Protein backbone atom coordinates (compact mmCIF):
# COMPACT_ATOMS: atom_id res chain seq x y z
CA MET A 1 -21.01 -80.62 -32.11
CA ASN A 2 -19.62 -78.17 -34.62
CA ASP A 3 -16.61 -79.35 -36.66
CA ASP A 4 -16.12 -76.09 -38.55
CA PRO A 5 -12.66 -74.60 -37.84
CA THR A 6 -14.08 -71.10 -37.65
CA PHE A 7 -16.27 -72.00 -34.66
CA PRO A 8 -14.54 -74.93 -32.92
CA ALA A 9 -16.45 -76.85 -30.27
CA LEU A 10 -19.54 -74.65 -30.56
CA ARG A 11 -23.13 -75.78 -30.85
CA ILE A 12 -24.89 -73.25 -33.08
CA ALA A 13 -28.69 -73.11 -33.30
CA ALA A 14 -30.74 -71.06 -35.73
CA VAL A 15 -34.05 -70.26 -34.05
CA ILE A 16 -36.76 -68.90 -36.33
CA PRO A 17 -40.14 -67.65 -35.04
CA CYS A 18 -42.85 -68.02 -37.69
CA PHE A 19 -46.50 -67.16 -38.22
CA ASN A 20 -47.98 -67.84 -41.66
CA GLU A 21 -44.64 -67.70 -43.50
CA ALA A 22 -45.09 -70.67 -45.88
CA LEU A 23 -43.98 -68.48 -48.82
CA ALA A 24 -40.72 -67.41 -47.15
CA ILE A 25 -39.55 -69.99 -44.61
CA GLY A 26 -38.11 -72.35 -47.22
CA GLN A 27 -35.83 -69.59 -48.49
CA VAL A 28 -34.62 -68.79 -44.94
CA ILE A 29 -33.79 -72.43 -44.20
CA GLU A 30 -32.05 -72.81 -47.55
CA GLU A 31 -29.92 -69.73 -46.82
CA PHE A 32 -28.89 -71.11 -43.44
CA GLY A 33 -27.92 -74.39 -45.09
CA ARG A 34 -25.74 -72.50 -47.56
CA VAL A 35 -24.02 -69.92 -45.32
CA LEU A 36 -24.07 -71.71 -41.94
CA PRO A 37 -24.35 -75.46 -42.65
CA GLU A 38 -23.11 -76.46 -39.19
CA ALA A 39 -26.11 -74.83 -37.48
CA THR A 40 -29.12 -76.82 -36.35
CA VAL A 41 -32.21 -75.06 -37.68
CA HIS A 42 -35.26 -74.84 -35.42
CA VAL A 43 -38.54 -73.37 -36.67
CA PHE A 44 -41.10 -72.38 -34.03
CA ASP A 45 -44.48 -72.27 -35.70
CA ASN A 46 -46.83 -69.91 -33.86
CA ASN A 47 -50.09 -71.71 -34.68
CA SER A 48 -49.98 -70.80 -38.39
CA SER A 49 -53.07 -71.31 -40.54
CA ASP A 50 -50.99 -72.03 -43.64
CA ASP A 51 -48.45 -74.82 -44.32
CA THR A 52 -45.47 -73.11 -42.64
CA ALA A 53 -44.71 -76.18 -40.53
CA GLY A 54 -44.90 -78.56 -43.48
CA VAL A 55 -42.63 -76.44 -45.66
CA ALA A 56 -40.11 -76.11 -42.80
CA ARG A 57 -40.02 -79.87 -42.18
CA ALA A 58 -39.60 -80.58 -45.88
CA ALA A 59 -36.65 -78.16 -45.93
CA GLY A 60 -34.95 -80.08 -43.10
CA ALA A 61 -35.73 -77.95 -40.05
CA THR A 62 -36.83 -79.17 -36.64
CA VAL A 63 -40.33 -77.78 -36.09
CA THR A 64 -41.88 -76.94 -32.72
CA GLN A 65 -45.51 -75.90 -32.43
CA VAL A 66 -46.24 -72.94 -30.12
CA PRO A 67 -50.03 -72.60 -29.74
CA LEU A 68 -49.93 -69.37 -27.69
CA ARG A 69 -49.98 -66.50 -30.18
CA GLY A 70 -47.31 -63.82 -29.96
CA LYS A 71 -43.60 -63.55 -30.70
CA GLY A 72 -42.82 -63.20 -27.00
CA ASN A 73 -44.43 -66.57 -26.30
CA VAL A 74 -42.33 -68.06 -29.09
CA ALA A 75 -39.11 -66.55 -27.67
CA ARG A 76 -39.80 -68.18 -24.30
CA ARG A 77 -40.08 -71.58 -25.96
CA MET A 78 -37.00 -71.03 -28.14
CA PHE A 79 -34.66 -70.25 -25.28
CA ALA A 80 -36.19 -72.91 -23.02
CA ASP A 81 -36.26 -75.80 -25.50
CA VAL A 82 -33.09 -75.35 -27.53
CA GLU A 83 -29.70 -76.23 -26.07
CA ALA A 84 -26.83 -74.44 -27.81
CA ASP A 85 -23.78 -72.26 -27.23
CA VAL A 86 -24.76 -69.68 -29.84
CA TYR A 87 -28.32 -68.78 -30.82
CA VAL A 88 -29.02 -67.04 -34.14
CA MET A 89 -32.51 -65.57 -34.05
CA VAL A 90 -34.00 -64.30 -37.29
CA ASP A 91 -37.54 -63.72 -38.52
CA GLY A 92 -38.97 -66.28 -40.92
CA ASP A 93 -40.07 -63.72 -43.51
CA ALA A 94 -36.81 -63.77 -45.54
CA THR A 95 -36.30 -60.01 -45.14
CA TYR A 96 -32.91 -60.33 -43.40
CA ASP A 97 -29.90 -61.16 -45.56
CA LEU A 98 -28.02 -64.01 -43.88
CA ALA A 99 -24.83 -63.49 -45.88
CA GLU A 100 -23.21 -61.75 -42.89
CA VAL A 101 -24.29 -64.25 -40.24
CA ARG A 102 -20.78 -65.68 -39.81
CA ARG A 103 -19.43 -62.17 -39.22
CA LEU A 104 -22.04 -61.63 -36.50
CA ILE A 105 -21.04 -64.89 -34.80
CA GLU A 106 -17.32 -64.08 -35.11
CA THR A 107 -17.97 -60.68 -33.52
CA LEU A 108 -19.78 -62.40 -30.64
CA ILE A 109 -16.89 -64.82 -30.07
CA ASP A 110 -13.97 -62.42 -30.62
CA GLY A 111 -15.40 -59.87 -28.20
CA ASN A 112 -16.75 -62.51 -25.79
CA LEU A 113 -20.08 -60.71 -26.15
CA ASP A 114 -23.57 -61.77 -25.17
CA MET A 115 -25.58 -60.20 -27.97
CA VAL A 116 -24.93 -58.92 -31.49
CA VAL A 117 -27.77 -57.04 -33.16
CA GLY A 118 -28.05 -56.76 -36.93
CA TYR A 119 -29.32 -53.24 -37.49
CA ARG A 120 -31.29 -52.84 -40.70
CA ILE A 121 -30.07 -51.02 -43.78
CA ASP A 122 -32.11 -51.01 -46.97
CA SER A 123 -31.45 -49.49 -50.36
CA GLY A 124 -34.62 -47.42 -50.32
CA ALA A 125 -35.52 -48.70 -53.77
CA GLU A 126 -38.86 -50.04 -52.53
CA ALA A 127 -40.80 -47.88 -50.08
CA GLN A 128 -42.58 -50.83 -48.48
CA THR A 129 -39.36 -52.65 -47.54
CA TYR A 130 -38.79 -50.55 -44.43
CA ARG A 131 -41.70 -48.15 -44.23
CA ALA A 132 -41.13 -44.56 -43.13
CA GLY A 133 -43.62 -44.92 -40.27
CA HIS A 134 -41.82 -47.99 -38.94
CA ARG A 135 -38.46 -46.28 -39.33
CA PHE A 136 -39.59 -43.15 -37.45
CA GLY A 137 -41.27 -45.17 -34.69
CA ASN A 138 -38.17 -47.32 -34.31
CA ARG A 139 -35.92 -44.27 -33.94
CA MET A 140 -38.25 -42.73 -31.36
CA LEU A 141 -38.56 -45.90 -29.27
CA THR A 142 -34.84 -46.69 -29.55
CA ALA A 143 -33.97 -43.18 -28.33
CA ALA A 144 -36.41 -43.55 -25.42
CA VAL A 145 -34.86 -46.84 -24.27
CA ALA A 146 -31.33 -45.46 -24.64
CA ARG A 147 -32.32 -42.45 -22.55
CA LEU A 148 -33.99 -44.48 -19.80
CA PHE A 149 -31.59 -47.41 -19.56
CA GLY A 150 -28.34 -46.10 -21.06
CA GLY A 151 -26.32 -47.54 -23.91
CA GLN A 152 -25.79 -46.69 -27.57
CA LEU A 153 -28.49 -48.20 -29.76
CA THR A 154 -29.28 -48.00 -33.47
CA ASP A 155 -32.10 -50.48 -34.13
CA MET A 156 -33.77 -51.73 -30.97
CA LEU A 157 -36.56 -53.51 -32.87
CA SER A 158 -34.39 -55.62 -35.16
CA GLY A 159 -35.44 -59.27 -35.35
CA TYR A 160 -31.95 -60.43 -36.38
CA ARG A 161 -29.77 -61.15 -33.37
CA VAL A 162 -27.05 -63.52 -32.17
CA PHE A 163 -26.97 -64.51 -28.49
CA SER A 164 -24.61 -66.33 -26.17
CA ARG A 165 -25.88 -69.21 -24.10
CA ARG A 166 -25.57 -67.25 -20.87
CA TYR A 167 -27.80 -64.55 -22.35
CA ALA A 168 -30.46 -67.02 -23.55
CA LYS A 169 -30.61 -68.96 -20.30
CA SER A 170 -30.75 -65.87 -18.07
CA PHE A 171 -33.47 -64.06 -20.05
CA PRO A 172 -36.80 -63.99 -18.14
CA ALA A 173 -39.17 -63.25 -21.03
CA VAL A 174 -42.40 -61.55 -19.94
CA SER A 175 -43.75 -59.98 -23.14
CA GLU A 176 -46.19 -61.83 -25.38
CA GLY A 177 -45.97 -60.09 -28.76
CA PHE A 178 -43.68 -57.99 -30.96
CA GLU A 179 -42.58 -55.98 -27.93
CA ILE A 180 -40.22 -58.85 -27.12
CA GLU A 181 -37.39 -57.05 -28.99
CA THR A 182 -37.66 -54.21 -26.48
CA GLU A 183 -37.37 -56.65 -23.60
CA LEU A 184 -34.39 -58.39 -25.23
CA THR A 185 -32.58 -55.06 -25.46
CA VAL A 186 -33.44 -53.89 -21.94
CA HIS A 187 -32.26 -57.21 -20.47
CA ALA A 188 -28.79 -56.62 -21.95
CA LEU A 189 -28.74 -52.99 -20.80
CA GLU A 190 -30.02 -53.79 -17.31
CA LEU A 191 -27.29 -56.36 -16.61
CA ARG A 192 -24.67 -54.27 -18.46
CA MET A 193 -23.97 -57.15 -20.82
CA PRO A 194 -21.39 -56.57 -23.56
CA PHE A 195 -23.10 -56.31 -26.94
CA ALA A 196 -22.49 -54.92 -30.41
CA GLU A 197 -24.41 -53.84 -33.51
CA LEU A 198 -23.52 -54.59 -37.12
CA PRO A 199 -25.26 -53.44 -40.30
CA VAL A 200 -27.28 -56.03 -42.23
CA HIS A 201 -29.10 -55.71 -45.52
CA TYR A 202 -32.88 -55.56 -45.22
CA ARG A 203 -34.81 -56.95 -48.20
CA PRO A 204 -38.38 -56.84 -49.49
CA ARG A 205 -40.65 -59.70 -48.54
CA PRO A 206 -41.21 -62.48 -51.09
CA GLU A 207 -44.09 -61.71 -53.46
CA GLY A 208 -47.42 -62.58 -51.90
CA SER A 209 -46.08 -62.46 -48.33
CA HIS A 210 -47.49 -59.85 -45.95
CA SER A 211 -46.20 -58.25 -42.75
CA LYS A 212 -48.02 -59.04 -39.50
CA LEU A 213 -46.74 -55.88 -37.82
CA SER A 214 -49.25 -53.08 -37.20
CA THR A 215 -47.54 -49.69 -36.97
CA TYR A 216 -49.94 -48.19 -34.43
CA ARG A 217 -51.20 -51.22 -32.49
CA ASP A 218 -47.79 -52.83 -32.01
CA GLY A 219 -46.11 -49.45 -31.55
CA TRP A 220 -48.51 -48.74 -28.68
CA LYS A 221 -47.71 -52.16 -27.15
CA ILE A 222 -43.99 -51.45 -27.39
CA LEU A 223 -44.47 -48.05 -25.77
CA LYS A 224 -46.41 -49.66 -22.91
CA THR A 225 -43.63 -52.23 -22.51
CA ILE A 226 -41.03 -49.47 -22.22
CA TRP A 227 -43.20 -47.76 -19.61
CA ARG A 228 -43.67 -51.02 -17.69
CA LEU A 229 -39.94 -51.75 -17.74
CA PHE A 230 -39.18 -48.20 -16.62
CA ILE A 231 -41.41 -48.64 -13.56
CA SER A 232 -40.12 -52.12 -12.71
CA GLU A 233 -36.41 -51.52 -13.41
CA ARG A 234 -36.09 -47.84 -12.40
CA PRO A 235 -38.67 -47.49 -9.61
CA LEU A 236 -36.72 -44.98 -7.55
CA LEU A 237 -36.43 -42.58 -10.49
CA PHE A 238 -40.09 -43.09 -11.46
CA PHE A 239 -41.54 -42.53 -7.99
CA SER A 240 -39.09 -39.70 -7.26
CA TRP A 241 -40.52 -37.81 -10.22
CA ILE A 242 -44.06 -38.43 -8.94
CA ALA A 243 -43.01 -37.24 -5.48
CA TYR A 244 -41.32 -34.17 -6.97
CA LEU A 245 -44.39 -33.19 -9.01
CA LEU A 246 -46.74 -33.68 -6.06
CA ALA A 247 -44.46 -31.69 -3.77
CA ILE A 248 -44.15 -28.83 -6.26
CA GLY A 249 -47.92 -28.72 -6.75
CA SER A 250 -48.49 -28.73 -3.01
CA ALA A 251 -45.90 -25.99 -2.43
CA ILE A 252 -47.38 -23.76 -5.13
CA GLY A 253 -50.86 -24.12 -3.65
CA ALA A 254 -49.61 -23.53 -0.12
CA VAL A 255 -47.97 -20.13 -0.82
CA PRO A 256 -51.23 -18.07 -0.83
CA LEU A 257 -52.44 -19.83 2.32
CA ALA A 258 -49.13 -19.18 4.07
CA ILE A 259 -49.21 -15.49 3.13
CA THR A 260 -52.80 -15.17 4.45
CA TYR A 261 -51.90 -16.97 7.67
CA MET A 262 -48.89 -14.71 8.30
CA GLU A 263 -50.99 -11.58 7.69
CA THR A 264 -54.13 -12.55 9.61
CA GLY A 265 -53.24 -15.57 11.72
CA LEU A 266 -56.19 -17.39 10.13
CA VAL A 267 -56.61 -20.25 7.67
CA PRO A 268 -59.74 -19.21 5.74
CA ARG A 269 -59.71 -22.12 3.26
CA LEU A 270 -59.43 -25.15 5.51
CA PRO A 271 -60.46 -27.76 2.88
CA THR A 272 -57.71 -26.48 0.57
CA ALA A 273 -55.19 -26.69 3.39
CA VAL A 274 -56.24 -30.29 4.14
CA LEU A 275 -55.97 -31.18 0.44
CA LEU A 276 -52.48 -29.67 0.18
CA THR A 277 -51.39 -31.51 3.32
CA GLY A 278 -52.66 -34.77 1.80
CA THR A 279 -50.80 -34.02 -1.42
CA MET A 280 -47.56 -33.47 0.47
CA LEU A 281 -48.06 -36.70 2.41
CA SER A 282 -48.69 -38.49 -0.91
CA ALA A 283 -45.39 -37.11 -2.21
CA MET A 284 -43.58 -38.49 0.82
CA LEU A 285 -45.34 -41.86 0.41
CA ALA A 286 -44.41 -42.01 -3.29
CA PHE A 287 -40.76 -41.40 -2.44
CA VAL A 288 -40.80 -44.12 0.24
CA CYS A 289 -42.43 -46.53 -2.25
CA GLY A 290 -39.64 -45.75 -4.69
CA ILE A 291 -37.00 -46.57 -2.08
CA VAL A 292 -38.68 -49.87 -1.12
CA LEU A 293 -39.20 -50.98 -4.73
CA HIS A 294 -35.65 -49.95 -5.59
CA THR A 295 -34.38 -52.33 -2.92
CA VAL A 296 -36.58 -55.12 -4.33
CA THR A 297 -35.34 -54.38 -7.86
CA ILE A 298 -31.70 -54.55 -6.75
CA GLY A 299 -32.32 -57.98 -5.24
CA ARG A 300 -34.04 -59.20 -8.41
CA GLN A 301 -31.24 -57.85 -10.60
CA GLU A 302 -28.64 -59.50 -8.40
CA ALA A 303 -30.43 -62.84 -8.78
CA LYS A 304 -30.46 -62.47 -12.57
CA ARG A 305 -26.82 -61.42 -12.52
CA LEU A 306 -25.83 -64.47 -10.49
CA ARG A 307 -27.71 -66.72 -12.92
CA TYR A 308 -25.89 -64.99 -15.77
CA LEU A 309 -22.50 -65.40 -14.09
CA SER A 310 -23.09 -69.08 -13.40
CA MET A 311 -22.49 -69.87 -17.09
CA PRO A 312 -19.24 -69.38 -19.03
CA GLY A 313 -18.96 -66.87 -21.84
CA VAL A 314 -19.05 -67.85 -25.49
CA ARG A 315 -15.26 -67.50 -25.92
CA HIS A 316 -14.67 -70.03 -23.15
CA ARG A 317 -17.05 -72.45 -24.88
CA ALA A 318 -15.27 -71.89 -28.18
CA ASP A 319 -11.89 -72.96 -26.76
CA PRO A 320 -11.02 -76.58 -27.57
């Protein structure tokens, strides 16, 4: 139990996903001990080939081994295994400055929020700190999610976040890799959870440490995740667009046949007419599929919402 007067009666857990971060994880744990000493630090080692786990244990963290590769697999274990009122998730590469972590937690409590995202700001002094390709891809993907699911977003792919317990325990993680940040964001938008964003300083990696993120491979995975979530969470809109496009194509193709039929009373291109009829029927079927899946999605969202509502907010947990 936390005895700090700033966060009375709160259990705070720092959850750190790691893969081959032996050069950086000690610094991250040391920073937590300095700026947030009341937090219990948990390191989830994603089957590292270096001594990440050993360094973390020596620094005083509780280490959990996660053999299934991928940050999404780690996130599932973090939220399932750790019991806390506030979860501070940060990457183990020492790129996020933890000096503002108390402000992020205070924002969560004061606003009775469910998520606070630390959006990255770097000085630009070192080009490799926050590469231009990553920055552009992040803006593009963030704009796409905001457009599809609503909400004002700045940095959807940030790995520095603070969560309430009711967020963590209602989050049905599906993703396996770096696309987990997209899923974390969409979960909050889908259930209309209150959240906020605060700027945090983004630093270069420690010397000798290397990023595991691939701009194109992981960007493509994130894009596929957005597409998958769009289909599963907005099926009526998705299938309505398919129905609309099929109907328009069928109508355009049917105009010449209709004109010929009105002039001659004949249908000279019967295979084309059959094809256009099938296209129109496909449009109707797509729309019906959208309606059915929309009903299923509403039921699934209601179940997640009820699970979310079954737990008190962070402000209630903070009250003595």
